Amino acid sequence: MHAATLSMDYDHPDCRPVLCRIRAQAPFVYGLTNYVAATLSANVLLAVGAAPAIGAAPGWPAGFGGQAGAMWVNAAGLINCTARDMLDAVNAANAGHVPWVLDPVAMGAGVGEYDAIIRNLAARTPAVVRGNASEVVALAGGAATARGVETTASIAQAVPMGQVLARGHKVIVAISGPDDHILAPDGRHIIVPGGHPLLTQVTGAGCALGGLVAAALATVPKESDRLVAVAAVHALYARAAEIAARDAGGPASFATGFVDALSRLQDSATAGADA
């Protein structure tokens, strides 16, 4: 029997408690990401109450990788750190039982040496793989169709391949698109509707989402609760985008308003309407 497909937006009763836990616990979240996305990633995490540290200063990957509440590794971080840095961080996280997120940016764009590094990372038991449709298709073994960091595959193509990846690697797979799809190894499938097209015009918005997923993982004590937590932060990301778009004059003001909206999101159903 196939597992049911569920829909979850930010009004779902399981969503706000995730944000509440992040704000209450202020988890230390370590990230290896690219310099293009680092500022937005840090600001997104600060806006929800997490405590980020980003970068590969001497000793940080092996040190922070094992000390953090959770970690995310953005493959495009290879433009400013080394594959050894990423492996040191991942090995330390695994040794310390720290859950981590892999964002396979530009996987399948036709650069074999780069793709091989991502495959090596994916084999080291991330808790979540988060990417766009082309990246997920390529990592699952499908045709490599990415155009640089942009997707050319559809969600319809990516979901079946994401399910293959989830089962084969025993990993939660989150696919970003017009609707986000969160896939579990046991076949559970959560669709997160909403968001806004302006997110695709802000550099690093997808990369920052990987950091937010890590923040949610840091506050979830049981692996069985991770799927809902991952879906919940996608839902709060979508809601913040919808709020920011109301008054945005374009991508620049949207980016500022988006961080503001994240900081103002209510984490309790009894706290009143979100601004």
Protein backbone atom coordinates (compact mmCIF):
# COMPACT_ATOMS: atom_id res chain seq x y z
CA MET A 1 0.00 0.00 0.00
CA HIS A 2 1.33 3.46 -0.91
CA ALA A 3 1.80 6.02 1.84
CA ALA A 4 -0.60 8.95 1.74
CA THR A 5 0.38 12.29 0.21
CA LEU A 6 -0.38 15.18 2.57
CA SER A 7 -0.50 18.94 2.09
CA MET A 8 0.92 21.30 4.71
CA ASP A 9 0.93 25.08 4.78
CA TYR A 10 1.85 27.36 7.66
CA ASP A 11 -1.67 27.18 9.10
CA HIS A 12 -1.28 23.44 9.66
CA PRO A 13 -1.19 22.74 13.42
CA ASP A 14 2.20 21.00 13.20
CA CYS A 15 3.99 24.00 11.67
CA ARG A 16 4.12 26.74 14.27
CA PRO A 17 5.51 24.51 17.04
CA VAL A 18 8.62 23.98 14.91
CA LEU A 19 9.29 27.72 14.80
CA CYS A 20 8.49 27.93 18.51
CA ARG A 21 11.16 25.31 19.28
CA ILE A 22 13.78 27.09 17.18
CA ARG A 23 13.13 30.38 18.98
CA ALA A 24 13.10 28.74 22.39
CA GLN A 25 16.25 26.66 21.90
CA ALA A 26 18.30 29.06 19.71
CA PRO A 27 20.28 26.16 18.21
CA PHE A 28 23.87 26.55 17.08
CA VAL A 29 23.78 25.85 13.33
CA TYR A 30 27.05 25.48 11.42
CA GLY A 31 27.21 25.94 7.67
CA LEU A 32 29.62 25.55 4.80
CA THR A 33 28.12 27.61 2.02
CA ASN A 34 29.25 29.92 -0.74
CA TYR A 35 30.10 33.57 -0.20
CA VAL A 36 27.23 34.61 -2.49
CA ALA A 37 24.65 33.10 -0.12
CA ALA A 38 26.36 33.45 3.26
CA THR A 39 24.88 36.80 4.31
CA LEU A 40 21.28 35.91 3.49
CA SER A 41 21.70 32.49 5.11
CA ALA A 42 22.96 34.04 8.33
CA ASN A 43 20.22 36.67 8.36
CA VAL A 44 17.49 34.06 7.77
CA LEU A 45 18.76 31.98 10.68
CA LEU A 46 19.06 34.99 12.97
CA ALA A 47 15.53 36.08 12.03
CA VAL A 48 14.05 32.86 13.40
CA GLY A 49 16.22 32.84 16.52
CA ALA A 50 18.97 30.39 15.56
CA ALA A 51 22.69 31.01 16.14
CA PRO A 52 24.64 30.52 12.90
CA ALA A 53 28.34 30.16 12.19
CA ILE A 54 29.43 29.98 8.56
CA GLY A 55 32.77 29.24 6.94
CA ALA A 56 35.89 27.12 7.02
CA ALA A 57 38.26 29.05 9.23
CA PRO A 58 41.15 26.87 10.49
CA GLY A 59 39.76 24.10 12.68
CA TRP A 60 36.12 25.08 12.22
CA PRO A 61 34.97 22.19 10.01
CA ALA A 62 36.20 19.44 12.34
CA GLY A 63 35.46 21.46 15.47
CA PHE A 64 32.08 23.04 14.75
CA GLY A 65 30.92 20.07 12.69
CA GLY A 66 30.85 17.93 15.80
CA GLN A 67 29.68 20.62 18.22
CA ALA A 68 26.71 22.16 16.40
CA GLY A 69 23.09 21.28 16.94
CA ALA A 70 22.90 20.69 13.20
CA MET A 71 24.85 21.57 10.07
CA TRP A 72 24.28 22.25 6.42
CA VAL A 73 26.71 21.73 3.56
CA ASN A 74 26.06 23.69 0.39
CA ALA A 75 28.10 22.17 -2.42
CA ALA A 76 28.68 25.56 -4.04
CA GLY A 77 30.70 26.36 -0.94
CA LEU A 78 33.53 24.72 -2.87
CA ILE A 79 34.13 28.13 -4.44
CA ASN A 80 35.51 29.30 -1.09
CA CYS A 81 36.43 26.14 0.84
CA THR A 82 37.89 22.76 -0.08
CA ALA A 83 36.44 19.30 -0.47
CA ARG A 84 38.62 18.31 2.49
CA ASP A 85 36.93 20.98 4.60
CA MET A 86 33.53 19.54 3.72
CA LEU A 87 34.61 15.98 4.44
CA ASP A 88 36.12 17.01 7.77
CA ALA A 89 32.87 18.73 8.75
CA VAL A 90 30.70 15.80 7.66
CA ASN A 91 32.90 13.22 9.38
CA ALA A 92 32.85 15.26 12.60
CA ALA A 93 29.07 15.65 12.40
CA ASN A 94 28.57 11.93 11.89
CA ALA A 95 30.93 11.08 14.76
CA GLY A 96 29.05 13.51 17.01
CA HIS A 97 25.59 12.36 15.87
CA VAL A 98 24.89 15.83 14.50
CA PRO A 99 22.22 15.79 11.76
CA TRP A 100 23.23 17.58 8.59
CA VAL A 101 21.72 18.80 5.34
CA LEU A 102 23.26 18.44 1.88
CA ASP A 103 22.37 21.01 -0.77
CA PRO A 104 23.73 19.65 -4.09
CA VAL A 105 23.87 23.00 -5.87
CA ALA A 106 24.49 22.70 -9.63
CA MET A 107 24.59 18.90 -9.50
CA GLY A 108 24.13 17.60 -13.02
CA ALA A 109 25.33 20.75 -14.80
CA GLY A 110 27.94 18.80 -16.71
CA VAL A 111 31.01 19.16 -14.47
CA GLY A 112 32.03 15.62 -13.60
CA GLU A 113 34.74 16.44 -11.06
CA TYR A 114 32.34 18.60 -9.06
CA ASP A 115 29.51 16.05 -9.27
CA ALA A 116 31.83 13.34 -7.94
CA ILE A 117 32.48 15.37 -4.79
CA ILE A 118 28.74 15.76 -4.22
CA ARG A 119 28.18 12.02 -4.68
CA ASN A 120 30.89 11.34 -2.12
CA LEU A 121 29.15 13.66 0.35
CA ALA A 122 25.75 12.11 -0.36
CA ALA A 123 27.15 8.69 0.51
CA ARG A 124 28.00 9.92 4.03
CA THR A 125 24.47 9.79 5.46
CA PRO A 126 23.00 13.27 5.41
CA ALA A 127 19.68 13.55 7.23
CA VAL A 128 18.20 15.66 4.43
CA VAL A 129 19.03 16.37 0.80
CA ARG A 130 17.49 19.68 -0.33
CA GLY A 131 17.69 20.85 -3.91
CA ASN A 132 15.88 21.88 -7.05
CA ALA A 133 14.36 19.44 -9.52
CA SER A 134 17.41 19.06 -11.78
CA GLU A 135 19.78 18.59 -8.85
CA VAL A 136 17.65 15.86 -7.32
CA VAL A 137 17.17 14.08 -10.64
CA ALA A 138 20.93 14.09 -11.28
CA LEU A 139 21.85 12.95 -7.76
CA ALA A 140 19.36 10.09 -8.05
CA GLY A 141 21.08 8.91 -11.23
CA GLY A 142 18.83 10.50 -13.84
CA ALA A 143 19.79 12.56 -16.86
CA ALA A 144 21.94 15.59 -15.99
CA THR A 145 20.02 18.60 -17.27
CA ALA A 146 20.85 21.55 -15.00
CA ARG A 147 21.80 24.87 -16.59
CA GLY A 148 24.42 26.09 -14.16
CA VAL A 149 22.63 26.47 -10.83
CA GLU A 150 19.17 26.69 -12.45
CA THR A 151 16.80 23.76 -12.95
CA THR A 152 15.53 22.62 -16.32
CA ALA A 153 13.66 19.58 -14.97
CA SER A 154 10.05 19.67 -13.82
CA ILE A 155 8.67 18.69 -10.45
CA ALA A 156 6.80 15.87 -12.20
CA GLN A 157 10.15 14.48 -13.35
CA ALA A 158 11.87 15.06 -10.02
CA VAL A 159 9.41 13.52 -7.57
CA PRO A 160 9.78 9.90 -8.76
CA MET A 161 13.57 10.28 -8.84
CA GLY A 162 13.51 11.91 -5.41
CA GLN A 163 11.59 8.90 -4.09
CA VAL A 164 14.30 6.63 -5.49
CA LEU A 165 16.95 8.77 -3.78
CA ALA A 166 15.06 8.80 -0.48
CA ARG A 167 14.69 5.02 -0.42
CA GLY A 168 18.19 4.25 -1.64
CA HIS A 169 20.02 6.60 0.73
CA LYS A 170 17.55 6.42 3.64
CA VAL A 171 17.33 10.21 3.53
CA ILE A 172 14.59 12.84 3.52
CA VAL A 173 14.55 14.56 0.13
CA ALA A 174 13.18 18.10 -0.19
CA ILE A 175 12.56 19.38 -3.72
CA SER A 176 11.98 23.09 -4.21
CA GLY A 177 9.62 24.30 -6.91
CA PRO A 178 6.30 26.10 -7.41
CA ASP A 179 5.14 23.71 -4.69
CA ASP A 180 7.77 22.06 -2.50
CA HIS A 181 7.79 18.27 -2.15
CA ILE A 182 9.18 16.59 0.95
CA LEU A 183 9.81 12.84 0.55
CA ALA A 184 10.59 10.25 3.21
CA PRO A 185 12.34 6.89 2.80
CA ASP A 186 9.17 5.10 3.93
CA GLY A 187 7.12 6.64 1.11
CA ARG A 188 5.49 9.50 3.01
CA HIS A 189 5.10 12.59 0.83
CA ILE A 190 4.24 16.11 2.00
CA ILE A 191 3.44 18.88 -0.48
CA VAL A 192 4.01 22.45 0.70
CA PRO A 193 2.10 24.99 -1.43
CA GLY A 194 2.60 28.71 -1.59
CA GLY A 195 5.64 30.92 -1.72
CA HIS A 196 6.22 33.60 -4.34
CA PRO A 197 8.12 33.83 -7.68
CA LEU A 198 10.27 36.66 -6.28
CA LEU A 199 12.13 34.05 -4.24
CA THR A 200 13.70 32.86 -7.50
CA GLN A 201 15.07 36.39 -8.11
CA VAL A 202 16.95 36.64 -4.81
CA THR A 203 20.46 35.21 -4.83
CA GLY A 204 20.92 32.56 -2.18
CA ALA A 205 17.26 32.08 -1.21
CA GLY A 206 17.42 28.34 -1.82
CA CYS A 207 20.79 28.07 -0.11
CA ALA A 208 19.42 29.86 2.97
CA LEU A 209 16.55 27.41 3.12
CA GLY A 210 19.09 24.63 3.65
CA GLY A 211 20.30 26.43 6.76
CA LEU A 212 16.76 26.79 8.03
CA VAL A 213 16.15 23.07 7.53
CA ALA A 214 19.25 22.42 9.64
CA ALA A 215 17.88 24.68 12.39
CA ALA A 216 14.70 22.61 12.48
CA LEU A 217 16.66 19.35 12.67
CA ALA A 218 18.61 20.68 15.63
CA THR A 219 15.43 20.94 17.68
CA VAL A 220 13.91 17.55 16.81
CA PRO A 221 15.01 14.84 19.25
CA LYS A 222 13.55 11.90 17.33
CA GLU A 223 14.34 10.94 13.74
CA SER A 224 10.69 10.00 13.26
CA ASP A 225 9.70 13.68 13.70
CA ARG A 226 12.12 15.05 11.12
CA LEU A 227 9.86 14.83 8.08
CA VAL A 228 7.22 17.12 9.58
CA ALA A 229 9.89 19.54 10.82
CA VAL A 230 11.43 19.78 7.35
CA ALA A 231 8.01 20.39 5.78
CA ALA A 232 7.19 22.97 8.44
CA VAL A 233 10.18 25.18 7.72
CA HIS A 234 9.36 25.05 4.00
CA ALA A 235 5.87 26.21 4.93
CA LEU A 236 7.11 29.10 7.06
CA TYR A 237 9.52 30.08 4.26
CA ALA A 238 6.59 30.15 1.83
CA ARG A 239 4.43 32.21 4.18
CA ALA A 240 7.19 34.76 4.78
CA ALA A 241 7.63 35.09 1.00
CA GLU A 242 3.92 35.74 0.53
CA ILE A 243 3.96 38.41 3.25
CA ALA A 244 7.10 40.10 1.86
CA ALA A 245 5.72 40.18 -1.67
CA ARG A 246 2.70 42.27 -0.66
CA ASP A 247 4.73 45.47 -0.34
CA ALA A 248 7.81 44.65 -2.41
CA GLY A 249 8.74 46.98 -5.23
CA GLY A 250 11.08 44.36 -6.70
CA PRO A 251 13.65 41.73 -5.74
CA ALA A 252 15.79 43.99 -3.56
CA SER A 253 13.01 45.26 -1.31
CA PHE A 254 11.51 41.77 -1.32
CA ALA A 255 14.75 40.31 0.08
CA THR A 256 14.76 42.79 2.96
CA GLY A 257 11.05 42.32 3.59
CA PHE A 258 11.45 38.57 3.51
CA VAL A 259 13.92 38.56 6.42
CA ASP A 260 11.65 40.97 8.29
CA ALA A 261 8.64 38.71 7.65
CA LEU A 262 10.50 35.67 8.98
CA SER A 263 11.31 37.57 12.17
CA ARG A 264 7.65 38.57 12.65
CA LEU A 265 6.02 35.21 11.97
CA GLN A 266 3.92 34.11 14.90
CA ASP A 267 4.97 30.81 16.44
CA SER A 268 1.70 30.23 18.30
CA ALA A 269 -1.76 29.76 16.85
CA THR A 270 -3.09 31.90 19.73
CA ALA A 271 -0.70 34.80 19.15
CA GLY A 272 -2.77 36.48 16.46
CA ALA A 273 -2.44 36.85 12.71
CA ASP A 274 0.95 37.15 11.06
CA ALA A 275 1.79 40.62 9.84
